[in-house]
Amino acid sequence: MATRPRQSDIARLAGVSQTTVSLTLNGKTAAYGINRETEERIMSAARDLGYVPNVTARALRGGRNRLIGVHAYEPLFPTSRESYYEEILVGIEQGSIRAGHDLVLFTSIHQDQRRANIFDEGRNRLRIADGALILGFDQHDDELVRLAEEGFPFVFIGRREKPAALGPYVTADYVSAVADATLRVHEAGHRRVAYLGVCDNAEPRAERREGFRHGVEETGLEVVDQTWSSTEELDEAWARRLLDGGVTALLIESASSLETLAVRCAELGLSIPDRLSVVGLDSITDPTRTSRAWTHVQVPLREMGSRAVELLLEFLDGGHGPTYHERLSCTFVPGETLRQVT
């Protein structure tokens, strides 16, 4: 087996010291006055020998290796056109390409059906990267606390209430977006509304509900019904509550359920939007695969991924402290399912 070339081999071939080789390969020629001719001789020797830097060793020494880790608390693949993560991953890839960094996707933490764990036998598995982007709905605040205590830089994509002081995060401004959507429902002449939510308390959904409460308080809308159920479970009793209560508009948390909702409403005799206007409070990832132009809130998922890369690099360079947070604005898409009423 051929021996892997080392920096000492480059030094001998280039006729310089190993220290000069190390400084050159780490991009520190200007800082230490290494001239262009010496730099070119060292880089030529490295190419001739087929030298590849040991990024793991460099990371363990506290150096930068231009690697960004990506870790999710749920499996990322396979994605579908409706995947929440797909657009975020595209944004991460685009951001890393612009920054000239490579990505390392950590997947072995999901092995053996165990709880996804960053730490393996006490070791931080993310440490080969300069820093990491972390995402996922599951709560693993104890691991974020431990990462912060180790001084390992990370940026969370999404909001985390408990460990918000541990590291920067970038998220969407769900509260303002849903409050604005609620206001638009009121401006369209609706006075009695219903809300269809998902049966969990994930941070994005909690913020949507907060935005809805703000919008209702500001406009004076009457909330006739709030249901926490999947669209498949909607029954005649639910439809009757809406009809008897004079509901003319429904706000639904999960835009991925809009098509199922349309089928269920048709079965229950609730024509959209003639009898019931519908506003989705989440992104539609592929509008070409929907039966109609839904009125909805578009979350900047791709922008969140891209901005997370920038934010991590700024954090690494000392541009932000661990309590720095950003909220990106969502977009209201008018669509055709919010009817004007008189």
C-alpha atoms as a PDB file:
ATOM      1  CA  MET A   1       0.000   0.000   0.000  1.00  0.00           C
ATOM      2  CA  ALA A   2       1.345   3.435  -0.970  1.00  0.00           C
ATOM      3  CA  THR A   3       2.163   5.732   1.921  1.00  0.00           C
ATOM      4  CA  ARG A   4      -0.029   8.799   2.164  1.00  0.00           C
ATOM      5  CA  PRO A   5       2.115  11.904   1.433  1.00  0.00           C
ATOM      6  CA  ARG A   6       2.726  14.200   4.405  1.00  0.00           C
ATOM      7  CA  GLN A   7       3.640  17.828   4.810  1.00  0.00           C
ATOM      8  CA  SER A   8       7.234  16.784   5.549  1.00  0.00           C
ATOM      9  CA  ASP A   9       7.382  15.210   2.067  1.00  0.00           C
ATOM     10  CA  ILE A  10       6.193  18.461   0.523  1.00  0.00           C
ATOM     11  CA  ALA A  11       8.806  20.370   2.505  1.00  0.00           C
ATOM     12  CA  ARG A  12      11.632  18.167   1.193  1.00  0.00           C
ATOM     13  CA  LEU A  13      10.460  18.402  -2.412  1.00  0.00           C
ATOM     14  CA  ALA A  14       9.940  22.177  -2.259  1.00  0.00           C
ATOM     15  CA  GLY A  15      13.126  22.824  -0.280  1.00  0.00           C
ATOM     16  CA  VAL A  16      11.428  24.668   2.571  1.00  0.00           C
ATOM     17  CA  SER A  17      10.627  24.031   6.209  1.00  0.00           C
ATOM     18  CA  GLN A  18       7.593  22.034   7.290  1.00  0.00           C
ATOM     19  CA  THR A  19       6.336  25.113   9.157  1.00  0.00           C
ATOM     20  CA  THR A  20       6.338  27.099   5.901  1.00  0.00           C
ATOM     21  CA  VAL A  21       4.387  24.292   4.230  1.00  0.00           C
ATOM     22  CA  SER A  22       1.816  24.244   7.028  1.00  0.00           C
ATOM     23  CA  LEU A  23       1.332  28.022   6.919  1.00  0.00           C
ATOM     24  CA  THR A  24       0.947  27.960   3.135  1.00  0.00           C
ATOM     25  CA  LEU A  25      -1.550  25.117   3.054  1.00  0.00           C
ATOM     26  CA  ASN A  26      -3.614  26.882   5.705  1.00  0.00           C
ATOM     27  CA  GLY A  27      -3.789  30.107   3.690  1.00  0.00           C
ATOM     28  CA  LYS A  28      -1.540  32.162   5.954  1.00  0.00           C
ATOM     29  CA  THR A  29       1.127  33.253   3.440  1.00  0.00           C
ATOM     30  CA  ALA A  30       0.250  36.954   3.622  1.00  0.00           C
ATOM     31  CA  ALA A  31       0.160  36.996   7.424  1.00  0.00           C
ATOM     32  CA  TYR A  32       3.657  35.454   7.680  1.00  0.00           C
ATOM     33  CA  GLY A  33       5.312  37.134   4.700  1.00  0.00           C
ATOM     34  CA  ILE A  34       5.725  34.017   2.535  1.00  0.00           C
ATOM     35  CA  ASN A  35       6.399  35.221  -1.012  1.00  0.00           C
ATOM     36  CA  ARG A  36       4.467  34.159  -4.106  1.00  0.00           C
ATOM     37  CA  GLU A  37       7.324  32.118  -5.582  1.00  0.00           C
ATOM     38  CA  THR A  38       7.644  29.991  -2.429  1.00  0.00           C
ATOM     39  CA  GLU A  39       3.893  29.540  -2.249  1.00  0.00           C
ATOM     40  CA  GLU A  40       3.724  28.344  -5.849  1.00  0.00           C
ATOM     41  CA  ARG A  41       6.625  25.944  -5.292  1.00  0.00           C
ATOM     42  CA  ILE A  42       4.885  24.441  -2.262  1.00  0.00           C
ATOM     43  CA  MET A  43       1.520  24.112  -4.014  1.00  0.00           C
ATOM     44  CA  SER A  44       3.197  22.522  -7.045  1.00  0.00           C
ATOM     45  CA  ALA A  45       4.942  19.985  -4.808  1.00  0.00           C
ATOM     46  CA  ALA A  46       1.660  19.205  -3.062  1.00  0.00           C
ATOM     47  CA  ARG A  47      -0.040  18.553  -6.392  1.00  0.00           C
ATOM     48  CA  ASP A  48       2.815  16.388  -7.638  1.00  0.00           C
ATOM     49  CA  LEU A  49       2.678  14.249  -4.506  1.00  0.00           C
ATOM     50  CA  GLY A  50      -1.115  14.012  -4.514  1.00  0.00           C
ATOM     51  CA  TYR A  51      -1.327  15.512  -1.043  1.00  0.00           C
ATOM     52  CA  VAL A  52      -4.813  15.681   0.525  1.00  0.00           C
ATOM     53  CA  PRO A  53      -5.159  17.505   3.878  1.00  0.00           C
ATOM     54  CA  ASN A  54      -6.416  15.549   6.858  1.00  0.00           C
ATOM     55  CA  VAL A  55      -9.476  17.646   7.656  1.00  0.00           C
ATOM     56  CA  THR A  56     -10.281  15.649  10.777  1.00  0.00           C
ATOM     57  CA  ALA A  57      -6.875  16.328  12.277  1.00  0.00           C
ATOM     58  CA  ARG A  58      -7.123  19.976  11.341  1.00  0.00           C
ATOM     59  CA  ALA A  59     -10.498  20.273  13.033  1.00  0.00           C
ATOM     60  CA  LEU A  60      -9.239  18.586  16.179  1.00  0.00           C
ATOM     61  CA  ARG A  61      -6.418  21.150  16.320  1.00  0.00           C
ATOM     62  CA  GLY A  62      -9.005  23.920  16.244  1.00  0.00           C
ATOM     63  CA  GLY A  63      -8.392  24.919  12.621  1.00  0.00           C
ATOM     64  CA  ARG A  64     -10.900  25.714   9.901  1.00  0.00           C
ATOM     65  CA  ASN A  65     -11.407  23.142   7.155  1.00  0.00           C
ATOM     66  CA  ARG A  66     -14.289  24.752   5.200  1.00  0.00           C
ATOM     67  CA  LEU A  67     -16.678  21.950   6.114  1.00  0.00           C
ATOM     68  CA  ILE A  68     -20.213  22.660   7.347  1.00  0.00           C
ATOM     69  CA  GLY A  69     -22.065  19.915   9.163  1.00  0.00           C
ATOM     70  CA  VAL A  70     -25.788  19.319   8.642  1.00  0.00           C
ATOM     71  CA  HIS A  71     -27.666  17.368  11.317  1.00  0.00           C
ATOM     72  CA  ALA A  72     -31.398  16.780  11.645  1.00  0.00           C
ATOM     73  CA  TYR A  73     -33.245  15.116  14.489  1.00  0.00           C
ATOM     74  CA  GLU A  74     -35.401  13.284  11.957  1.00  0.00           C
ATOM     75  CA  PRO A  75     -34.305  11.454   8.778  1.00  0.00           C
ATOM     76  CA  LEU A  76     -33.982  13.870   5.846  1.00  0.00           C
ATOM     77  CA  PHE A  77     -34.258  11.368   3.008  1.00  0.00           C
ATOM     78  CA  PRO A  78     -36.020  10.271   0.943  1.00  0.00           C
ATOM     79  CA  THR A  79     -37.646  13.615   0.324  1.00  0.00           C
ATOM     80  CA  SER A  80     -40.856  14.125  -1.609  1.00  0.00           C
ATOM     81  CA  ARG A  81     -42.163  17.145  -3.447  1.00  0.00           C
ATOM     82  CA  GLU A  82     -44.117  17.975  -0.281  1.00  0.00           C
ATOM     83  CA  SER A  83     -41.143  17.554   2.024  1.00  0.00           C
ATOM     84  CA  TYR A  84     -40.664  20.290   4.602  1.00  0.00           C
ATOM     85  CA  TYR A  85     -36.908  19.760   4.445  1.00  0.00           C
ATOM     86  CA  GLU A  86     -36.429  19.729   0.681  1.00  0.00           C
ATOM     87  CA  GLU A  87     -36.453  23.499   0.179  1.00  0.00           C
ATOM     88  CA  ILE A  88     -34.320  24.070   3.280  1.00  0.00           C
ATOM     89  CA  LEU A  89     -31.712  21.606   1.984  1.00  0.00           C
ATOM     90  CA  VAL A  90     -31.671  23.306  -1.407  1.00  0.00           C
ATOM     91  CA  GLY A  91     -31.043  26.627   0.343  1.00  0.00           C
ATOM     92  CA  ILE A  92     -28.250  25.114   2.445  1.00  0.00           C
ATOM     93  CA  GLU A  93     -26.586  23.709  -0.658  1.00  0.00           C
ATOM     94  CA  GLN A  94     -26.849  27.006  -2.543  1.00  0.00           C
ATOM     95  CA  GLY A  95     -25.507  28.946   0.433  1.00  0.00           C
ATOM     96  CA  SER A  96     -22.544  26.624   0.899  1.00  0.00           C
ATOM     97  CA  ILE A  97     -21.672  26.789  -2.808  1.00  0.00           C
ATOM     98  CA  ARG A  98     -21.664  30.583  -2.704  1.00  0.00           C
ATOM     99  CA  ALA A  99     -19.460  30.482   0.397  1.00  0.00           C
ATOM    100  CA  GLY A 100     -17.039  27.968  -1.123  1.00  0.00           C
ATOM    101  CA  HIS A 101     -17.637  25.392   1.621  1.00  0.00           C
ATOM    102  CA  ASP A 102     -18.444  21.698   1.512  1.00  0.00           C
ATOM    103  CA  LEU A 103     -21.265  20.013   3.392  1.00  0.00           C
ATOM    104  CA  VAL A 104     -21.067  16.976   5.662  1.00  0.00           C
ATOM    105  CA  LEU A 105     -24.402  15.251   6.258  1.00  0.00           C
ATOM    106  CA  PHE A 106     -24.481  13.319   9.532  1.00  0.00           C
ATOM    107  CA  THR A 107     -26.737  10.266   9.174  1.00  0.00           C
ATOM    108  CA  SER A 108     -25.284   7.470  11.322  1.00  0.00           C
ATOM    109  CA  ILE A 109     -26.883   9.017  14.412  1.00  0.00           C
ATOM    110  CA  HIS A 110     -30.166   7.455  13.264  1.00  0.00           C
ATOM    111  CA  GLN A 111     -28.856   3.892  13.312  1.00  0.00           C
ATOM    112  CA  ASP A 112     -30.418   0.959  15.173  1.00  0.00           C
ATOM    113  CA  GLN A 113     -33.734   2.769  15.743  1.00  0.00           C
ATOM    114  CA  ARG A 114     -32.209   4.585  18.682  1.00  0.00           C
ATOM    115  CA  ARG A 115     -32.814   8.166  19.683  1.00  0.00           C
ATOM    116  CA  ALA A 116     -30.864  10.400  17.328  1.00  0.00           C
ATOM    117  CA  ASN A 117     -27.772  11.395  19.274  1.00  0.00           C
ATOM    118  CA  ILE A 118     -24.989  13.792  18.311  1.00  0.00           C
ATOM    119  CA  PHE A 119     -22.696  12.316  20.941  1.00  0.00           C
ATOM    120  CA  ASP A 120     -21.346   8.817  20.377  1.00  0.00           C
ATOM    121  CA  GLU A 121     -19.657   7.259  23.415  1.00  0.00           C
ATOM    122  CA  GLY A 122     -19.163  10.744  24.799  1.00  0.00           C
ATOM    123  CA  ARG A 123     -17.668  12.211  21.614  1.00  0.00           C
ATOM    124  CA  ASN A 124     -19.130  15.040  19.577  1.00  0.00           C
ATOM    125  CA  ARG A 125     -19.521  13.526  16.122  1.00  0.00           C
ATOM    126  CA  LEU A 126     -19.993  16.935  14.509  1.00  0.00           C
ATOM    127  CA  ARG A 127     -16.516  18.137  15.435  1.00  0.00           C
ATOM    128  CA  ILE A 128     -14.868  17.273  12.121  1.00  0.00           C
ATOM    129  CA  ALA A 129     -16.793  20.253  10.702  1.00  0.00           C
ATOM    130  CA  ASP A 130     -16.111  23.916  11.452  1.00  0.00           C
ATOM    131  CA  GLY A 131     -19.655  24.244  12.745  1.00  0.00           C
ATOM    132  CA  ALA A 132     -23.068  22.749  12.115  1.00  0.00           C
ATOM    133  CA  LEU A 133     -26.559  23.570  10.981  1.00  0.00           C
ATOM    134  CA  ILE A 134     -29.138  21.761  13.112  1.00  0.00           C
ATOM    135  CA  LEU A 135     -32.792  21.318  12.265  1.00  0.00           C
ATOM    136  CA  GLY A 136     -35.743  19.186  13.232  1.00  0.00           C
ATOM    137  CA  PHE A 137     -38.991  19.286  15.190  1.00  0.00           C
ATOM    138  CA  ASP A 138     -37.978  16.845  17.918  1.00  0.00           C
ATOM    139  CA  GLN A 139     -36.782  18.427  21.151  1.00  0.00           C
ATOM    140  CA  HIS A 140     -33.190  17.567  22.083  1.00  0.00           C
ATOM    141  CA  ASP A 141     -32.370  20.641  24.129  1.00  0.00           C
ATOM    142  CA  ASP A 142     -29.974  18.731  26.366  1.00  0.00           C
ATOM    143  CA  GLU A 143     -27.678  18.108  23.402  1.00  0.00           C
ATOM    144  CA  LEU A 144     -27.766  21.758  22.365  1.00  0.00           C
ATOM    145  CA  VAL A 145     -26.787  22.710  25.898  1.00  0.00           C
ATOM    146  CA  ARG A 146     -23.851  20.307  25.763  1.00  0.00           C
ATOM    147  CA  LEU A 147     -22.721  21.607  22.356  1.00  0.00           C
ATOM    148  CA  ALA A 148     -22.769  25.152  23.714  1.00  0.00           C
ATOM    149  CA  GLU A 149     -20.795  24.119  26.807  1.00  0.00           C
ATOM    150  CA  GLU A 150     -18.143  22.573  24.538  1.00  0.00           C
ATOM    151  CA  GLY A 151     -17.926  25.802  22.566  1.00  0.00           C
ATOM    152  CA  PHE A 152     -18.932  24.061  19.346  1.00  0.00           C
ATOM    153  CA  PRO A 153     -20.530  26.604  16.970  1.00  0.00           C
ATOM    154  CA  PHE A 154     -23.955  25.787  15.573  1.00  0.00           C
ATOM    155  CA  VAL A 155     -26.957  27.536  14.080  1.00  0.00           C
ATOM    156  CA  PHE A 156     -30.448  26.146  14.521  1.00  0.00           C
ATOM    157  CA  ILE A 157     -32.891  26.419  11.640  1.00  0.00           C
ATOM    158  CA  GLY A 158     -36.150  27.173  13.392  1.00  0.00           C
ATOM    159  CA  ARG A 159     -36.937  28.614  16.795  1.00  0.00           C
ATOM    160  CA  ARG A 160     -35.985  26.996  20.080  1.00  0.00           C
ATOM    161  CA  GLU A 161     -37.495  28.638  23.153  1.00  0.00           C
ATOM    162  CA  LYS A 162     -35.504  26.934  25.908  1.00  0.00           C
ATOM    163  CA  PRO A 163     -31.992  26.982  24.439  1.00  0.00           C
ATOM    164  CA  ALA A 164     -32.414  30.319  22.645  1.00  0.00           C
ATOM    165  CA  ALA A 165     -29.376  31.734  24.478  1.00  0.00           C
ATOM    166  CA  LEU A 166     -27.107  28.865  23.428  1.00  0.00           C
ATOM    167  CA  GLY A 167     -26.633  29.607  19.750  1.00  0.00           C
ATOM    168  CA  PRO A 168     -27.998  31.711  16.878  1.00  0.00           C
ATOM    169  CA  TYR A 169     -31.061  30.612  14.986  1.00  0.00           C
ATOM    170  CA  VAL A 170     -32.860  31.651  11.829  1.00  0.00           C
ATOM    171  CA  THR A 171     -36.578  31.093  11.492  1.00  0.00           C
ATOM    172  CA  ALA A 172     -39.658  32.430   9.747  1.00  0.00           C
ATOM    173  CA  ASP A 173     -41.807  35.174  11.219  1.00  0.00           C
ATOM    174  CA  TYR A 174     -44.861  32.969  11.603  1.00  0.00           C
ATOM    175  CA  VAL A 175     -46.573  35.249  14.105  1.00  0.00           C
ATOM    176  CA  SER A 176     -46.643  38.300  11.841  1.00  0.00           C
ATOM    177  CA  ALA A 177     -47.503  36.218   8.772  1.00  0.00           C
ATOM    178  CA  VAL A 178     -50.563  34.572  10.332  1.00  0.00           C
ATOM    179  CA  ALA A 179     -51.712  37.805  11.981  1.00  0.00           C
ATOM    180  CA  ASP A 180     -51.553  39.427   8.537  1.00  0.00           C
ATOM    181  CA  ALA A 181     -53.452  36.540   6.920  1.00  0.00           C
ATOM    182  CA  THR A 182     -56.151  36.853   9.594  1.00  0.00           C
ATOM    183  CA  LEU A 183     -56.403  40.582   8.908  1.00  0.00           C
ATOM    184  CA  ARG A 184     -56.840  39.879   5.183  1.00  0.00           C
ATOM    185  CA  VAL A 185     -59.685  37.485   5.969  1.00  0.00           C
ATOM    186  CA  HIS A 186     -61.387  40.283   7.896  1.00  0.00           C
ATOM    187  CA  GLU A 187     -60.759  42.783   5.087  1.00  0.00           C
ATOM    188  CA  ALA A 188     -62.461  40.371   2.676  1.00  0.00           C
ATOM    189  CA  GLY A 189     -65.644  40.802   4.714  1.00  0.00           C
ATOM    190  CA  HIS A 190     -65.573  37.624   6.804  1.00  0.00           C
ATOM    191  CA  ARG A 191     -66.712  37.925  10.405  1.00  0.00           C
ATOM    192  CA  ARG A 192     -67.079  34.332  11.625  1.00  0.00           C
ATOM    193  CA  VAL A 193     -64.170  31.970  11.131  1.00  0.00           C
ATOM    194  CA  ALA A 194     -62.878  28.531  12.092  1.00  0.00           C
ATOM    195  CA  TYR A 195     -59.357  27.219  12.676  1.00  0.00           C
ATOM    196  CA  LEU A 196     -58.089  23.748  11.795  1.00  0.00           C
ATOM    197  CA  GLY A 197     -54.831  22.825  13.539  1.00  0.00           C
ATOM    198  CA  VAL A 198     -52.463  19.889  13.854  1.00  0.00           C
ATOM    199  CA  CYS A 199     -52.319  17.742  16.988  1.00  0.00           C
ATOM    200  CA  ASP A 200     -48.905  18.828  18.266  1.00  0.00           C
ATOM    201  CA  ASN A 201     -47.225  21.815  19.877  1.00  0.00           C
ATOM    202  CA  ALA A 202     -44.181  22.181  17.638  1.00  0.00           C
ATOM    203  CA  GLU A 203     -42.722  25.695  17.805  1.00  0.00           C
ATOM    204  CA  PRO A 204     -43.836  26.783  14.289  1.00  0.00           C
ATOM    205  CA  ARG A 205     -47.402  25.755  14.984  1.00  0.00           C
ATOM    206  CA  ALA A 206     -47.429  27.420  18.386  1.00  0.00           C
ATOM    207  CA  GLU A 207     -46.288  30.633  16.708  1.00  0.00           C
ATOM    208  CA  ARG A 208     -48.977  30.355  14.042  1.00  0.00           C
ATOM    209  CA  ARG A 209     -51.592  30.051  16.782  1.00  0.00           C
ATOM    210  CA  GLU A 210     -50.131  33.098  18.507  1.00  0.00           C
ATOM    211  CA  GLY A 211     -50.388  35.042  15.253  1.00  0.00           C
ATOM    212  CA  PHE A 212     -53.993  33.933  14.831  1.00  0.00           C
ATOM    213  CA  ARG A 213     -54.833  35.114  18.354  1.00  0.00           C
ATOM    214  CA  HIS A 214     -53.251  38.510  17.616  1.00  0.00           C
ATOM    215  CA  GLY A 215     -55.206  38.796  14.384  1.00  0.00           C
ATOM    216  CA  VAL A 216     -58.495  37.888  16.060  1.00  0.00           C
ATOM    217  CA  GLU A 217     -57.907  40.391  18.867  1.00  0.00           C
ATOM    218  CA  GLU A 218     -57.089  43.151  16.385  1.00  0.00           C
ATOM    219  CA  THR A 219     -60.031  42.545  14.060  1.00  0.00           C
ATOM    220  CA  GLY A 220     -62.702  41.302  16.430  1.00  0.00           C
ATOM    221  CA  LEU A 221     -63.343  38.187  14.366  1.00  0.00           C
ATOM    222  CA  GLU A 222     -65.561  35.587  16.022  1.00  0.00           C
ATOM    223  CA  VAL A 223     -63.886  32.178  16.220  1.00  0.00           C
ATOM    224  CA  VAL A 224     -66.780  29.736  16.002  1.00  0.00           C
ATOM    225  CA  ASP A 225     -64.747  26.522  15.960  1.00  0.00           C
ATOM    226  CA  GLN A 226     -61.186  25.382  16.628  1.00  0.00           C
ATOM    227  CA  THR A 227     -60.445  21.765  15.750  1.00  0.00           C
ATOM    228  CA  TRP A 228     -57.197  19.824  16.232  1.00  0.00           C
ATOM    229  CA  SER A 229     -57.479  16.895  13.889  1.00  0.00           C
ATOM    230  CA  SER A 230     -56.287  15.471  10.585  1.00  0.00           C
ATOM    231  CA  THR A 231     -58.400  16.367   7.569  1.00  0.00           C
ATOM    232  CA  GLU A 232     -59.360  12.698   7.129  1.00  0.00           C
ATOM    233  CA  GLU A 233     -61.083  12.773  10.529  1.00  0.00           C
ATOM    234  CA  LEU A 234     -63.365  15.716   9.739  1.00  0.00           C
ATOM    235  CA  ASP A 235     -66.944  14.550  10.004  1.00  0.00           C
ATOM    236  CA  GLU A 236     -70.496  15.765   9.527  1.00  0.00           C
ATOM    237  CA  ALA A 237     -70.586  17.094  13.086  1.00  0.00           C
ATOM    238  CA  TRP A 238     -67.635  19.373  12.234  1.00  0.00           C
ATOM    239  CA  ALA A 239     -69.351  20.573   9.054  1.00  0.00           C
ATOM    240  CA  ARG A 240     -72.584  21.163  10.971  1.00  0.00           C
ATOM    241  CA  ARG A 241     -70.767  23.305  13.569  1.00  0.00           C
ATOM    242  CA  LEU A 242     -69.429  25.490  10.774  1.00  0.00           C
ATOM    243  CA  LEU A 243     -72.795  25.742   8.978  1.00  0.00           C
ATOM    244  CA  ASP A 244     -74.831  26.414  12.108  1.00  0.00           C
ATOM    245  CA  GLY A 245     -72.263  28.935  13.338  1.00  0.00           C
ATOM    246  CA  GLY A 246     -72.304  30.918  10.120  1.00  0.00           C
ATOM    247  CA  VAL A 247     -68.608  30.321   9.423  1.00  0.00           C
ATOM    248  CA  THR A 248     -67.503  31.675   6.032  1.00  0.00           C
ATOM    249  CA  ALA A 249     -63.712  31.239   6.278  1.00  0.00           C
ATOM    250  CA  LEU A 250     -61.395  28.491   7.529  1.00  0.00           C
ATOM    251  CA  LEU A 251     -57.720  28.937   8.377  1.00  0.00           C
ATOM    252  CA  ILE A 252     -55.742  25.669   8.218  1.00  0.00           C
ATOM    253  CA  GLU A 253     -52.248  25.164   9.688  1.00  0.00           C
ATOM    254  CA  SER A 254     -51.031  22.413   7.376  1.00  0.00           C
ATOM    255  CA  ALA A 255     -50.968  23.433   3.730  1.00  0.00           C
ATOM    256  CA  SER A 256     -49.970  19.873   2.842  1.00  0.00           C
ATOM    257  CA  SER A 257     -53.526  18.873   3.840  1.00  0.00           C
ATOM    258  CA  LEU A 258     -55.306  21.346   1.560  1.00  0.00           C
ATOM    259  CA  GLU A 259     -56.033  18.833  -1.199  1.00  0.00           C
ATOM    260  CA  THR A 260     -57.424  16.313   1.277  1.00  0.00           C
ATOM    261  CA  LEU A 261     -59.489  19.104   2.813  1.00  0.00           C
ATOM    262  CA  ALA A 262     -60.948  19.933  -0.598  1.00  0.00           C
ATOM    263  CA  VAL A 263     -62.095  16.340  -1.085  1.00  0.00           C
ATOM    264  CA  ARG A 264     -63.545  16.151   2.425  1.00  0.00           C
ATOM    265  CA  CYS A 265     -65.387  19.478   2.090  1.00  0.00           C
ATOM    266  CA  ALA A 266     -66.905  18.336  -1.203  1.00  0.00           C
ATOM    267  CA  GLU A 267     -68.154  15.183   0.514  1.00  0.00           C
ATOM    268  CA  LEU A 268     -69.645  17.290   3.334  1.00  0.00           C
ATOM    269  CA  GLY A 269     -71.290  19.797   1.017  1.00  0.00           C
ATOM    270  CA  LEU A 270     -68.963  22.717   1.761  1.00  0.00           C
ATOM    271  CA  SER A 271     -68.097  24.252  -1.600  1.00  0.00           C
ATOM    272  CA  ILE A 272     -64.733  26.116  -1.717  1.00  0.00           C
ATOM    273  CA  PRO A 273     -64.741  29.128  -1.866  1.00  0.00           C
ATOM    274  CA  ASP A 274     -68.441  29.749  -2.554  1.00  0.00           C
ATOM    275  CA  ARG A 275     -69.580  28.377   0.785  1.00  0.00           C
ATOM    276  CA  LEU A 276     -66.290  28.273   2.665  1.00  0.00           C
ATOM    277  CA  SER A 277     -63.182  30.346   1.992  1.00  0.00           C
ATOM    278  CA  VAL A 278     -59.932  28.576   2.880  1.00  0.00           C
ATOM    279  CA  VAL A 279     -56.546  30.079   3.769  1.00  0.00           C
ATOM    280  CA  GLY A 280     -53.491  27.846   4.248  1.00  0.00           C
ATOM    281  CA  LEU A 281     -50.955  28.944   6.841  1.00  0.00           C
ATOM    282  CA  ASP A 282     -47.945  27.082   5.440  1.00  0.00           C
ATOM    283  CA  SER A 283     -45.984  26.704   2.214  1.00  0.00           C
ATOM    284  CA  ILE A 284     -47.161  24.900  -0.886  1.00  0.00           C
ATOM    285  CA  THR A 285     -43.958  23.337  -2.169  1.00  0.00           C
ATOM    286  CA  ASP A 286     -45.251  22.444  -5.635  1.00  0.00           C
ATOM    287  CA  PRO A 287     -48.197  24.573  -6.856  1.00  0.00           C
ATOM    288  CA  THR A 288     -48.279  22.633 -10.152  1.00  0.00           C
ATOM    289  CA  ARG A 289     -49.631  19.595  -8.307  1.00  0.00           C
ATOM    290  CA  THR A 290     -52.603  21.295  -6.646  1.00  0.00           C
ATOM    291  CA  SER A 291     -56.200  21.254  -7.870  1.00  0.00           C
ATOM    292  CA  ARG A 292     -56.627  25.011  -7.485  1.00  0.00           C
ATOM    293  CA  ALA A 293     -54.733  28.197  -6.673  1.00  0.00           C
ATOM    294  CA  TRP A 294     -54.922  28.093  -2.893  1.00  0.00           C
ATOM    295  CA  THR A 295     -54.718  31.281  -0.862  1.00  0.00           C
ATOM    296  CA  HIS A 296     -51.870  30.642   1.552  1.00  0.00           C
ATOM    297  CA  VAL A 297     -48.791  31.827   3.440  1.00  0.00           C
ATOM    298  CA  GLN A 298     -45.500  30.942   1.774  1.00  0.00           C
ATOM    299  CA  VAL A 299     -42.685  30.288   4.269  1.00  0.00           C
ATOM    300  CA  PRO A 300     -39.161  31.231   3.047  1.00  0.00           C
ATOM    301  CA  LEU A 301     -37.745  27.720   3.554  1.00  0.00           C
ATOM    302  CA  ARG A 302     -35.028  27.986   0.909  1.00  0.00           C
ATOM    303  CA  GLU A 303     -33.996  31.402   2.206  1.00  0.00           C
ATOM    304  CA  MET A 304     -33.842  30.023   5.769  1.00  0.00           C
ATOM    305  CA  GLY A 305     -31.394  27.333   4.653  1.00  0.00           C
ATOM    306  CA  SER A 306     -29.225  29.759   2.718  1.00  0.00           C
ATOM    307  CA  ARG A 307     -29.220  32.373   5.463  1.00  0.00           C
ATOM    308  CA  ALA A 308     -28.326  29.726   8.059  1.00  0.00           C
ATOM    309  CA  VAL A 309     -25.081  29.044   6.186  1.00  0.00           C
ATOM    310  CA  GLU A 310     -24.219  32.745   6.129  1.00  0.00           C
ATOM    311  CA  LEU A 311     -25.136  33.137   9.781  1.00  0.00           C
ATOM    312  CA  LEU A 312     -22.942  30.198  10.822  1.00  0.00           C
ATOM    313  CA  LEU A 313     -19.932  31.647   8.995  1.00  0.00           C
ATOM    314  CA  GLU A 314     -20.583  35.074  10.530  1.00  0.00           C
ATOM    315  CA  PHE A 315     -20.804  33.421  13.942  1.00  0.00           C
ATOM    316  CA  LEU A 316     -17.500  31.617  13.338  1.00  0.00           C
ATOM    317  CA  ASP A 317     -15.886  34.933  12.453  1.00  0.00           C
ATOM    318  CA  GLY A 318     -17.150  36.557  15.655  1.00  0.00           C
ATOM    319  CA  GLY A 319     -19.798  38.682  13.942  1.00  0.00           C
ATOM    320  CA  HIS A 320     -22.626  37.553  16.241  1.00  0.00           C
ATOM    321  CA  GLY A 321     -23.089  36.298  19.758  1.00  0.00           C
ATOM    322  CA  PRO A 322     -24.970  33.112  20.699  1.00  0.00           C
ATOM    323  CA  THR A 323     -28.180  35.030  21.446  1.00  0.00           C
ATOM    324  CA  TYR A 324     -28.459  36.462  17.925  1.00  0.00           C
ATOM    325  CA  HIS A 325     -31.682  35.457  16.169  1.00  0.00           C
ATOM    326  CA  GLU A 326     -33.247  36.290  12.806  1.00  0.00           C
ATOM    327  CA  ARG A 327     -36.828  36.023  11.600  1.00  0.00           C
ATOM    328  CA  LEU A 328     -37.410  36.049   7.854  1.00  0.00           C
ATOM    329  CA  SER A 329     -40.644  37.432   6.439  1.00  0.00           C
ATOM    330  CA  CYS A 330     -43.217  35.138   4.887  1.00  0.00           C
ATOM    331  CA  THR A 331     -45.187  35.969   1.741  1.00  0.00           C
ATOM    332  CA  PHE A 332     -48.962  36.087   1.432  1.00  0.00           C
ATOM    333  CA  VAL A 333     -50.111  34.409  -1.787  1.00  0.00           C
ATOM    334  CA  PRO A 334     -53.637  35.700  -2.678  1.00  0.00           C
ATOM    335  CA  GLY A 335     -54.712  32.649  -4.650  1.00  0.00           C
ATOM    336  CA  GLU A 336     -58.372  32.049  -5.438  1.00  0.00           C
ATOM    337  CA  THR A 337     -59.817  30.483  -2.287  1.00  0.00           C
ATOM    338  CA  LEU A 338     -60.451  33.632  -0.210  1.00  0.00           C
ATOM    339  CA  ARG A 339     -63.754  35.013  -1.456  1.00  0.00           C
ATOM    340  CA  GLN A 340     -64.872  38.607  -0.925  1.00  0.00           C
ATOM    341  CA  VAL A 341     -68.158  38.697   0.979  1.00  0.00           C
ATOM    342  CA  THR A 342     -70.540  41.563   1.598  1.00  0.00           C
END
